Amino acid sequence: DWFRHTVIDTVPANYPGRGRQVYPGFLQHAGF
């Protein structure tokens, strides 16, 4: 649940996948 609530977000409206639940690349990059 920590991963679900901490790193999962929704794709915003300016992308074809708007509304999809994802682990965003910018958060992954911050982790790297």
PDB file of all heavy atoms in Angstrom:
ATOM      1  N   ASP A   1       0.816  -1.213   0.000  1.00  0.00           N
ATOM      2  CA  ASP A   1       0.000   0.000   0.000  1.00  0.00           C
ATOM      3  C   ASP A   1       0.848   1.261   0.000  1.00  0.00           C
ATOM      4  O   ASP A   1       0.423   2.305  -0.515  1.00  0.00           O
ATOM      5  CB  ASP A   1      -0.945   0.015   1.208  1.00  0.00           C
ATOM      6  CG  ASP A   1      -2.197  -0.821   0.969  1.00  0.00           C
ATOM      7  OD1 ASP A   1      -2.444  -1.188  -0.196  1.00  0.00           O
ATOM      8  OD2 ASP A   1      -2.913  -1.129   1.946  1.00  0.00           O
ATOM      9  N   TRP A   2       2.035   1.195   0.597  1.00  0.00           N
ATOM     10  CA  TRP A   2       2.923   2.356   0.573  1.00  0.00           C
ATOM     11  C   TRP A   2       3.285   2.718  -0.857  1.00  0.00           C
ATOM     12  O   TRP A   2       3.272   3.901  -1.228  1.00  0.00           O
ATOM     13  CB  TRP A   2       4.185   2.057   1.380  1.00  0.00           C
ATOM     14  CG  TRP A   2       5.136   3.228   1.436  1.00  0.00           C
ATOM     15  CD1 TRP A   2       5.152   4.223   2.361  1.00  0.00           C
ATOM     16  CD2 TRP A   2       6.208   3.506   0.521  1.00  0.00           C
ATOM     17  NE1 TRP A   2       6.155   5.115   2.078  1.00  0.00           N
ATOM     18  CE2 TRP A   2       6.825   4.703   0.963  1.00  0.00           C
ATOM     19  CE3 TRP A   2       6.706   2.875  -0.621  1.00  0.00           C
ATOM     20  CZ2 TRP A   2       7.917   5.272   0.299  1.00  0.00           C
ATOM     21  CZ3 TRP A   2       7.787   3.441  -1.302  1.00  0.00           C
ATOM     22  CH2 TRP A   2       8.382   4.618  -0.843  1.00  0.00           C
ATOM     23  N   PHE A   3       3.617   1.716  -1.669  1.00  0.00           N
ATOM     24  CA  PHE A   3       3.941   1.972  -3.074  1.00  0.00           C
ATOM     25  C   PHE A   3       2.715   2.485  -3.822  1.00  0.00           C
ATOM     26  O   PHE A   3       2.813   3.400  -4.646  1.00  0.00           O
ATOM     27  CB  PHE A   3       4.464   0.693  -3.730  1.00  0.00           C
ATOM     28  CG  PHE A   3       5.799   0.248  -3.210  1.00  0.00           C
ATOM     29  CD1 PHE A   3       5.890  -0.697  -2.189  1.00  0.00           C
ATOM     30  CD2 PHE A   3       6.975   0.770  -3.724  1.00  0.00           C
ATOM     31  CE1 PHE A   3       7.113  -1.101  -1.703  1.00  0.00           C
ATOM     32  CE2 PHE A   3       8.210   0.379  -3.241  1.00  0.00           C
ATOM     33  CZ  PHE A   3       8.279  -0.559  -2.225  1.00  0.00           C
ATOM     34  N   ARG A   4       1.555   1.895  -3.525  1.00  0.00           N
ATOM     35  CA  ARG A   4       0.327   2.303  -4.213  1.00  0.00           C
ATOM     36  C   ARG A   4      -0.011   3.763  -3.934  1.00  0.00           C
ATOM     37  O   ARG A   4      -0.412   4.494  -4.845  1.00  0.00           O
ATOM     38  CB  ARG A   4      -0.828   1.387  -3.784  1.00  0.00           C
ATOM     39  CG  ARG A   4      -2.142   1.705  -4.479  1.00  0.00           C
ATOM     40  CD  ARG A   4      -3.254   0.766  -4.057  1.00  0.00           C
ATOM     41  NE  ARG A   4      -3.057  -0.591  -4.590  1.00  0.00           N
ATOM     42  CZ  ARG A   4      -2.735  -1.650  -3.864  1.00  0.00           C
ATOM     43  NH1 ARG A   4      -2.542  -1.517  -2.550  1.00  0.00           N
ATOM     44  NH2 ARG A   4      -2.574  -2.831  -4.422  1.00  0.00           N
ATOM     45  N   HIS A   5       0.184   4.208  -2.709  1.00  0.00           N
ATOM     46  CA  HIS A   5      -0.210   5.567  -2.339  1.00  0.00           C
ATOM     47  C   HIS A   5       0.904   6.587  -2.523  1.00  0.00           C
ATOM     48  O   HIS A   5       0.622   7.794  -2.564  1.00  0.00           O
ATOM     49  CB  HIS A   5      -0.684   5.594  -0.880  1.00  0.00           C
ATOM     50  CG  HIS A   5      -1.897   4.756  -0.620  1.00  0.00           C
ATOM     51  ND1 HIS A   5      -3.048   4.867  -1.363  1.00  0.00           N
ATOM     52  CD2 HIS A   5      -2.128   3.767   0.291  1.00  0.00           C
ATOM     53  CE1 HIS A   5      -3.941   3.999  -0.918  1.00  0.00           C
ATOM     54  NE2 HIS A   5      -3.409   3.323   0.080  1.00  0.00           N
ATOM     55  N   THR A   6       2.159   6.120  -2.650  1.00  0.00           N
ATOM     56  CA  THR A   6       3.292   7.047  -2.708  1.00  0.00           C
ATOM     57  C   THR A   6       3.773   7.311  -4.124  1.00  0.00           C
ATOM     58  O   THR A   6       4.103   8.457  -4.465  1.00  0.00           O
ATOM     59  CB  THR A   6       4.465   6.515  -1.860  1.00  0.00           C
ATOM     60  OG1 THR A   6       4.014   6.273  -0.536  1.00  0.00           O
ATOM     61  CG2 THR A   6       5.614   7.502  -1.830  1.00  0.00           C
ATOM     62  N   VAL A   7       3.838   6.287  -4.967  1.00  0.00           N
ATOM     63  CA  VAL A   7       4.474   6.471  -6.283  1.00  0.00           C
ATOM     64  C   VAL A   7       3.513   6.301  -7.455  1.00  0.00           C
ATOM     65  O   VAL A   7       3.923   6.468  -8.608  1.00  0.00           O
ATOM     66  CB  VAL A   7       5.680   5.507  -6.450  1.00  0.00           C
ATOM     67  CG1 VAL A   7       6.700   5.736  -5.352  1.00  0.00           C
ATOM     68  CG2 VAL A   7       5.227   4.046  -6.473  1.00  0.00           C
ATOM     69  N   ILE A   8       2.276   5.956  -7.216  1.00  0.00           N
ATOM     70  CA  ILE A   8       1.311   5.788  -8.308  1.00  0.00           C
ATOM     71  C   ILE A   8       0.534   7.088  -8.513  1.00  0.00           C
ATOM     72  O   ILE A   8       0.071   7.697  -7.555  1.00  0.00           O
ATOM     73  CB  ILE A   8       0.341   4.623  -8.026  1.00  0.00           C
ATOM     74  CG1 ILE A   8       1.111   3.317  -7.822  1.00  0.00           C
ATOM     75  CG2 ILE A   8      -0.666   4.483  -9.168  1.00  0.00           C
ATOM     76  CD1 ILE A   8       1.997   2.911  -8.985  1.00  0.00           C
ATOM     77  N   ASP A   9       0.417   7.513  -9.766  1.00  0.00           N
ATOM     78  CA  ASP A   9      -0.310   8.739 -10.078  1.00  0.00           C
ATOM     79  C   ASP A   9      -1.091   8.546 -11.376  1.00  0.00           C
ATOM     80  O   ASP A   9      -0.969   7.489 -12.027  1.00  0.00           O
ATOM     81  CB  ASP A   9       0.652   9.916 -10.203  1.00  0.00           C
ATOM     82  CG  ASP A   9       0.020  11.243  -9.798  1.00  0.00           C
ATOM     83  OD1 ASP A   9      -1.213  11.360  -9.920  1.00  0.00           O
ATOM     84  OD2 ASP A   9       0.754  12.145  -9.371  1.00  0.00           O
ATOM     85  N   THR A  10      -1.867   9.553 -11.747  1.00  0.00           N
ATOM     86  CA  THR A  10      -2.744   9.483 -12.919  1.00  0.00           C
ATOM     87  C   THR A  10      -2.180  10.326 -14.054  1.00  0.00           C
ATOM     88  O   THR A  10      -1.769  11.476 -13.835  1.00  0.00           O
ATOM     89  CB  THR A  10      -4.158   9.990 -12.558  1.00  0.00           C
ATOM     90  OG1 THR A  10      -4.648   9.220 -11.455  1.00  0.00           O
ATOM     91  CG2 THR A  10      -5.109   9.831 -13.736  1.00  0.00           C
ATOM     92  N   VAL A  11      -2.159   9.775 -15.253  1.00  0.00           N
ATOM     93  CA  VAL A  11      -1.671  10.508 -16.428  1.00  0.00           C
ATOM     94  C   VAL A  11      -2.604  11.691 -16.696  1.00  0.00           C
ATOM     95  O   VAL A  11      -3.824  11.528 -16.784  1.00  0.00           O
ATOM     96  CB  VAL A  11      -1.614   9.581 -17.660  1.00  0.00           C
ATOM     97  CG1 VAL A  11      -1.186  10.370 -18.901  1.00  0.00           C
ATOM     98  CG2 VAL A  11      -0.661   8.412 -17.404  1.00  0.00           C
ATOM     99  N   PRO A  12      -2.047  12.903 -16.830  1.00  0.00           N
ATOM    100  CA  PRO A  12      -2.902  14.081 -17.057  1.00  0.00           C
ATOM    101  C   PRO A  12      -3.482  14.117 -18.472  1.00  0.00           C
ATOM    102  O   PRO A  12      -3.149  13.292 -19.324  1.00  0.00           O
ATOM    103  CB  PRO A  12      -1.946  15.251 -16.810  1.00  0.00           C
ATOM    104  CG  PRO A  12      -0.584  14.705 -17.029  1.00  0.00           C
ATOM    105  CD  PRO A  12      -0.634  13.257 -16.646  1.00  0.00           C
ATOM    106  N   ALA A  13      -4.306  15.130 -18.691  1.00  0.00           N
ATOM    107  CA  ALA A  13      -5.144  15.179 -19.903  1.00  0.00           C
ATOM    108  C   ALA A  13      -4.379  15.449 -21.186  1.00  0.00           C
ATOM    109  O   ALA A  13      -4.913  15.236 -22.274  1.00  0.00           O
ATOM    110  CB  ALA A  13      -6.237  16.229 -19.726  1.00  0.00           C
ATOM    111  N   ASN A  14      -3.133  15.902 -21.107  1.00  0.00           N
ATOM    112  CA  ASN A  14      -2.411  16.261 -22.331  1.00  0.00           C
ATOM    113  C   ASN A  14      -1.668  15.084 -22.964  1.00  0.00           C
ATOM    114  O   ASN A  14      -0.830  15.277 -23.843  1.00  0.00           O
ATOM    115  CB  ASN A  14      -1.423  17.402 -22.045  1.00  0.00           C
ATOM    116  CG  ASN A  14      -0.509  17.124 -20.864  1.00  0.00           C
ATOM    117  OD1 ASN A  14      -0.948  16.625 -19.844  1.00  0.00           O
ATOM    118  ND2 ASN A  14       0.763  17.453 -21.014  1.00  0.00           N
ATOM    119  N   TYR A  15      -1.969  13.859 -22.528  1.00  0.00           N
ATOM    120  CA  TYR A  15      -1.362  12.662 -23.118  1.00  0.00           C
ATOM    121  C   TYR A  15      -2.449  11.692 -23.579  1.00  0.00           C
ATOM    122  O   TYR A  15      -3.560  11.686 -23.023  1.00  0.00           O
ATOM    123  CB  TYR A  15      -0.456  11.953 -22.108  1.00  0.00           C
ATOM    124  CG  TYR A  15       0.775  12.738 -21.730  1.00  0.00           C
ATOM    125  CD1 TYR A  15       0.856  13.392 -20.496  1.00  0.00           C
ATOM    126  CD2 TYR A  15       1.848  12.844 -22.605  1.00  0.00           C
ATOM    127  CE1 TYR A  15       1.976  14.118 -20.141  1.00  0.00           C
ATOM    128  CE2 TYR A  15       2.987  13.562 -22.258  1.00  0.00           C
ATOM    129  CZ  TYR A  15       3.041  14.198 -21.042  1.00  0.00           C
ATOM    130  OH  TYR A  15       4.158  14.925 -20.702  1.00  0.00           O
ATOM    131  N   PRO A  16      -2.139  10.846 -24.583  1.00  0.00           N
ATOM    132  CA  PRO A  16      -3.131   9.864 -25.046  1.00  0.00           C
ATOM    133  C   PRO A  16      -3.620   8.933 -23.944  1.00  0.00           C
ATOM    134  O   PRO A  16      -4.760   8.465 -23.984  1.00  0.00           O
ATOM    135  CB  PRO A  16      -2.375   9.082 -26.134  1.00  0.00           C
ATOM    136  CG  PRO A  16      -1.320  10.015 -26.624  1.00  0.00           C
ATOM    137  CD  PRO A  16      -0.916  10.818 -25.420  1.00  0.00           C
ATOM    138  N   GLY A  17      -2.774   8.658 -22.941  1.00  0.00           N
ATOM    139  CA  GLY A  17      -3.149   7.747 -21.861  1.00  0.00           C
ATOM    140  C   GLY A  17      -3.809   8.438 -20.689  1.00  0.00           C
ATOM    141  O   GLY A  17      -3.788   7.889 -19.571  1.00  0.00           O
ATOM    142  N   ARG A  18      -4.397   9.605 -20.932  1.00  0.00           N
ATOM    143  CA  ARG A  18      -5.003  10.372 -19.839  1.00  0.00           C
ATOM    144  C   ARG A  18      -5.960   9.500 -19.023  1.00  0.00           C
ATOM    145  O   ARG A  18      -6.769   8.762 -19.570  1.00  0.00           O
ATOM    146  CB  ARG A  18      -5.739  11.591 -20.381  1.00  0.00           C
ATOM    147  CG  ARG A  18      -6.808  11.300 -21.402  1.00  0.00           C
ATOM    148  CD  ARG A  18      -7.375  12.606 -21.970  1.00  0.00           C
ATOM    149  NE  ARG A  18      -8.327  12.354 -23.043  1.00  0.00           N
ATOM    150  CZ  ARG A  18      -7.982  12.193 -24.320  1.00  0.00           C
ATOM    151  NH1 ARG A  18      -6.702  12.217 -24.672  1.00  0.00           N
ATOM    152  NH2 ARG A  18      -8.910  11.987 -25.234  1.00  0.00           N
ATOM    153  N   GLY A  19      -5.818   9.590 -17.705  1.00  0.00           N
ATOM    154  CA  GLY A  19      -6.650   8.812 -16.802  1.00  0.00           C
ATOM    155  C   GLY A  19      -6.055   7.476 -16.404  1.00  0.00           C
ATOM    156  O   GLY A  19      -6.538   6.844 -15.461  1.00  0.00           O
ATOM    157  N   ARG A  20      -4.985   7.043 -17.082  1.00  0.00           N
ATOM    158  CA  ARG A  20      -4.354   5.757 -16.742  1.00  0.00           C
ATOM    159  C   ARG A  20      -3.523   5.901 -15.472  1.00  0.00           C
ATOM    160  O   ARG A  20      -2.821   6.900 -15.270  1.00  0.00           O
ATOM    161  CB  ARG A  20      -3.477   5.276 -17.901  1.00  0.00           C
ATOM    162  CG  ARG A  20      -2.763   3.947 -17.617  1.00  0.00           C
ATOM    163  CD  ARG A  20      -1.952   3.461 -18.800  1.00  0.00           C
ATOM    164  NE  ARG A  20      -2.807   3.115 -19.927  1.00  0.00           N
ATOM    165  CZ  ARG A  20      -3.497   1.993 -20.028  1.00  0.00           C
ATOM    166  NH1 ARG A  20      -3.445   1.096 -19.048  1.00  0.00           N
ATOM    167  NH2 ARG A  20      -4.232   1.747 -21.094  1.00  0.00           N
ATOM    168  N   GLN A  21      -3.552   4.889 -14.615  1.00  0.00           N
ATOM    169  CA  GLN A  21      -2.735   4.844 -13.417  1.00  0.00           C
ATOM    170  C   GLN A  21      -1.342   4.325 -13.776  1.00  0.00           C
ATOM    171  O   GLN A  21      -1.205   3.276 -14.407  1.00  0.00           O
ATOM    172  CB  GLN A  21      -3.371   3.939 -12.367  1.00  0.00           C
ATOM    173  CG  GLN A  21      -4.677   4.473 -11.795  1.00  0.00           C
ATOM    174  CD  GLN A  21      -4.429   5.609 -10.820  1.00  0.00           C
ATOM    175  OE1 GLN A  21      -3.872   5.416  -9.733  1.00  0.00           O
ATOM    176  NE2 GLN A  21      -4.847   6.816 -11.192  1.00  0.00           N
ATOM    177  N   VAL A  22      -0.303   5.073 -13.384  1.00  0.00           N
ATOM    178  CA  VAL A  22       1.067   4.722 -13.761  1.00  0.00           C
ATOM    179  C   VAL A  22       2.023   4.994 -12.604  1.00  0.00           C
ATOM    180  O   VAL A  22       1.691   5.721 -11.655  1.00  0.00           O
ATOM    181  CB  VAL A  22       1.538   5.533 -14.992  1.00  0.00           C
ATOM    182  CG1 VAL A  22       0.699   5.215 -16.219  1.00  0.00           C
ATOM    183  CG2 VAL A  22       1.521   7.038 -14.701  1.00  0.00           C
ATOM    184  N   TYR A  23       3.214   4.399 -12.718  1.00  0.00           N
ATOM    185  CA  TYR A  23       4.356   4.812 -11.913  1.00  0.00           C
ATOM    186  C   TYR A  23       5.128   5.771 -12.812  1.00  0.00           C
ATOM    187  O   TYR A  23       5.813   5.354 -13.735  1.00  0.00           O
ATOM    188  CB  TYR A  23       5.195   3.598 -11.534  1.00  0.00           C
ATOM    189  CG  TYR A  23       6.442   3.892 -10.731  1.00  0.00           C
ATOM    190  CD1 TYR A  23       6.644   5.097 -10.071  1.00  0.00           C
ATOM    191  CD2 TYR A  23       7.447   2.929 -10.634  1.00  0.00           C
ATOM    192  CE1 TYR A  23       7.786   5.343  -9.337  1.00  0.00           C
ATOM    193  CE2 TYR A  23       8.603   3.163  -9.886  1.00  0.00           C
ATOM    194  CZ  TYR A  23       8.766   4.374  -9.253  1.00  0.00           C
ATOM    195  OH  TYR A  23       9.906   4.624  -8.523  1.00  0.00           O
ATOM    196  N   PRO A  24       5.020   7.083 -12.588  1.00  0.00           N
ATOM    197  CA  PRO A  24       5.565   8.069 -13.534  1.00  0.00           C
ATOM    198  C   PRO A  24       7.078   7.979 -13.682  1.00  0.00           C
ATOM    199  O   PRO A  24       7.807   7.724 -12.721  1.00  0.00           O
ATOM    200  CB  PRO A  24       5.162   9.416 -12.920  1.00  0.00           C
ATOM    201  CG  PRO A  24       4.036   9.101 -11.994  1.00  0.00           C
ATOM    202  CD  PRO A  24       4.329   7.729 -11.466  1.00  0.00           C
ATOM    203  N   GLY A  25       7.533   8.230 -14.903  1.00  0.00           N
ATOM    204  CA  GLY A  25       8.955   8.188 -15.182  1.00  0.00           C
ATOM    205  C   GLY A  25       9.745   9.205 -14.388  1.00  0.00           C
ATOM    206  O   GLY A  25      10.876   8.938 -13.960  1.00  0.00           O
ATOM    207  N   PHE A  26       9.170  10.398 -14.137  1.00  0.00           N
ATOM    208  CA  PHE A  26       9.929  11.418 -13.417  1.00  0.00           C
ATOM    209  C   PHE A  26      10.191  10.999 -11.977  1.00  0.00           C
ATOM    210  O   PHE A  26      11.219  11.357 -11.394  1.00  0.00           O
ATOM    211  CB  PHE A  26       9.224  12.776 -13.489  1.00  0.00           C
ATOM    212  CG  PHE A  26       7.902  12.868 -12.780  1.00  0.00           C
ATOM    213  CD1 PHE A  26       7.839  13.190 -11.436  1.00  0.00           C
ATOM    214  CD2 PHE A  26       6.725  12.630 -13.461  1.00  0.00           C
ATOM    215  CE1 PHE A  26       6.612  13.279 -10.774  1.00  0.00           C
ATOM    216  CE2 PHE A  26       5.497  12.719 -12.816  1.00  0.00           C
ATOM    217  CZ  PHE A  26       5.434  13.041 -11.463  1.00  0.00           C
ATOM    218  N   LEU A  27       9.284  10.211 -11.377  1.00  0.00           N
ATOM    219  CA  LEU A  27       9.536   9.701 -10.029  1.00  0.00           C
ATOM    220  C   LEU A  27      10.612   8.615 -10.041  1.00  0.00           C
ATOM    221  O   LEU A  27      11.440   8.531  -9.135  1.00  0.00           O
ATOM    222  CB  LEU A  27       8.247   9.155  -9.428  1.00  0.00           C
ATOM    223  CG  LEU A  27       7.206  10.182  -8.958  1.00  0.00           C
ATOM    224  CD1 LEU A  27       5.982   9.470  -8.389  1.00  0.00           C
ATOM    225  CD2 LEU A  27       7.802  11.118  -7.909  1.00  0.00           C
ATOM    226  N   GLN A  28      10.577   7.788 -11.083  1.00  0.00           N
ATOM    227  CA  GLN A  28      11.614   6.769 -11.212  1.00  0.00           C
ATOM    228  C   GLN A  28      12.986   7.427 -11.367  1.00  0.00           C
ATOM    229  O   GLN A  28      13.969   7.005 -10.754  1.00  0.00           O
ATOM    230  CB  GLN A  28      11.324   5.889 -12.430  1.00  0.00           C
ATOM    231  CG  GLN A  28      10.002   5.139 -12.347  1.00  0.00           C
ATOM    232  CD  GLN A  28       9.673   4.464 -13.656  1.00  0.00           C
ATOM    233  OE1 GLN A  28      10.459   3.686 -14.173  1.00  0.00           O
ATOM    234  NE2 GLN A  28       8.503   4.761 -14.218  1.00  0.00           N
ATOM    235  N   HIS A  29      13.033   8.474 -12.193  1.00  0.00           N
ATOM    236  CA  HIS A  29      14.299   9.166 -12.420  1.00  0.00           C
ATOM    237  C   HIS A  29      14.822   9.777 -11.129  1.00  0.00           C
ATOM    238  O   HIS A  29      16.029   9.714 -10.834  1.00  0.00           O
ATOM    239  CB  HIS A  29      14.112  10.248 -13.481  1.00  0.00           C
ATOM    240  CG  HIS A  29      15.356  11.022 -13.772  1.00  0.00           C
ATOM    241  ND1 HIS A  29      15.607  12.264 -13.238  1.00  0.00           N
ATOM    242  CD2 HIS A  29      16.446  10.713 -14.532  1.00  0.00           C
ATOM    243  CE1 HIS A  29      16.785  12.691 -13.650  1.00  0.00           C
ATOM    244  NE2 HIS A  29      17.311  11.776 -14.439  1.00  0.00           N
ATOM    245  N   ALA A  30      13.917  10.356 -10.337  1.00  0.00           N
ATOM    246  CA  ALA A  30      14.327  10.919  -9.045  1.00  0.00           C
ATOM    247  C   ALA A  30      14.928   9.834  -8.158  1.00  0.00           C
ATOM    248  O   ALA A  30      15.907  10.071  -7.440  1.00  0.00           O
ATOM    249  CB  ALA A  30      13.131  11.575  -8.362  1.00  0.00           C
ATOM    250  N   GLY A  31      14.350   8.638  -8.218  1.00  0.00           N
ATOM    251  CA  GLY A  31      14.891   7.526  -7.442  1.00  0.00           C
ATOM    252  C   GLY A  31      16.264   7.106  -7.923  1.00  0.00           C
ATOM    253  O   GLY A  31      17.153   6.803  -7.114  1.00  0.00           O
ATOM    254  N   PHE A  32      16.463   7.087  -9.259  1.00  0.00           N
ATOM    255  CA  PHE A  32      17.776   6.737  -9.810  1.00  0.00           C
ATOM    256  C   PHE A  32      18.839   7.708  -9.304  1.00  0.00           C
ATOM    257  O   PHE A  32      19.924   7.306  -8.859  1.00  0.00           O
ATOM    258  CB  PHE A  32      17.758   6.785 -11.347  1.00  0.00           C
ATOM    259  CG  PHE A  32      16.807   5.823 -11.996  1.00  0.00           C
ATOM    260  CD1 PHE A  32      16.270   6.095 -13.248  1.00  0.00           C
ATOM    261  CD2 PHE A  32      16.446   4.641 -11.373  1.00  0.00           C
ATOM    262  CE1 PHE A  32      15.400   5.217 -13.860  1.00  0.00           C
ATOM    263  CE2 PHE A  32      15.570   3.753 -11.972  1.00  0.00           C
ATOM    264  CZ  PHE A  32      15.050   4.047 -13.225  1.00  0.00           C
TER     265      PHE A  32
END
